[in-house]
């Protein structure tokens, strides 16, 4: 009984995260838009070097 309860408590976050990560909701999309805007402003104030720019392009290509 304890083993079953413990196992189900351990697996529950994995099941929830798998189901909830399929589609982005409007709030998540808006948050990503805000993040990108802030990043652009930050880059204007303190420009990135060539390696940081290359890393950002790789991140964007991998959709992270």
Protein backbone atom coordinates (compact mmCIF):
# COMPACT_ATOMS: atom_id res chain seq x y z
CA UNK A 1 0.00 0.00 0.00
CA UNK A 2 2.75 2.45 0.94
CA UNK A 3 4.75 1.52 -2.14
CA UNK A 4 1.79 2.14 -4.43
CA UNK A 5 1.08 5.52 -2.84
CA UNK A 6 4.72 6.54 -3.00
CA UNK A 7 5.03 5.45 -6.62
CA UNK A 8 1.88 7.30 -7.66
CA UNK A 9 3.07 10.48 -5.91
CA UNK A 10 6.40 10.26 -7.72
CA UNK A 11 4.84 9.67 -11.15
CA UNK A 12 2.05 12.26 -10.87
CA UNK A 13 4.23 15.31 -11.74
CA UNK A 14 5.56 13.50 -14.82
CA UNK A 15 2.07 12.70 -16.07
CA UNK A 16 0.82 16.23 -15.44
CA UNK A 17 3.82 17.85 -17.14
CA UNK A 18 3.47 15.58 -20.17
CA UNK A 19 -0.22 16.37 -20.61
CA UNK A 20 0.08 20.09 -19.92
CA UNK A 21 3.05 20.75 -22.21
CA UNK A 22 1.38 19.91 -25.50
CA UNK A 23 0.05 23.35 -26.41
CA UNK A 24 1.02 26.82 -25.30
CA UNK A 25 -1.80 28.90 -23.89
CA UNK A 26 -2.34 32.59 -24.53
CA UNK A 27 -0.67 33.64 -21.29
CA UNK A 28 2.46 31.64 -22.09
CA UNK A 29 2.60 33.09 -25.61
CA UNK A 30 2.20 36.61 -24.21
CA UNK A 31 4.92 35.93 -21.65
CA UNK A 32 7.31 34.76 -24.35
CA UNK A 33 6.57 37.90 -26.34
CA UNK A 34 7.36 40.05 -23.31
CA UNK A 35 10.57 38.07 -22.72
CA UNK A 36 11.70 38.65 -26.31
CA UNK A 37 10.92 42.37 -26.07
CA UNK A 38 12.90 42.71 -22.87
CA UNK A 39 15.78 40.79 -24.43
CA UNK A 40 15.81 43.18 -27.41
CA UNK A 41 15.90 46.22 -25.12
CA UNK A 42 18.70 44.64 -23.09
CA UNK A 43 20.67 43.95 -26.28
CA UNK A 44 20.26 47.57 -27.35
CA UNK A 45 21.67 48.81 -24.06
CA UNK A 46 24.41 46.19 -23.72
CA UNK A 47 25.11 44.53 -27.10
CA UNK A 48 26.09 40.88 -27.16
CA UNK A 49 29.35 39.60 -28.51
CA UNK A 50 29.61 37.26 -31.52
CA UNK A 51 29.63 34.06 -29.44
CA UNK A 52 26.57 35.09 -27.46
CA UNK A 53 24.75 35.91 -30.71
CA UNK A 54 25.68 32.51 -32.15
CA UNK A 55 24.48 30.78 -28.98
CA UNK A 56 21.18 32.65 -29.12
CA UNK A 57 20.69 31.59 -32.74
CA UNK A 58 21.28 27.96 -31.76
CA UNK A 59 18.78 28.29 -28.89
CA UNK A 60 16.19 29.80 -31.21
CA UNK A 61 16.77 27.07 -33.79
CA UNK A 62 16.19 24.44 -31.10
CA UNK A 63 13.15 26.42 -29.84
CA UNK A 64 14.41 26.90 -26.29
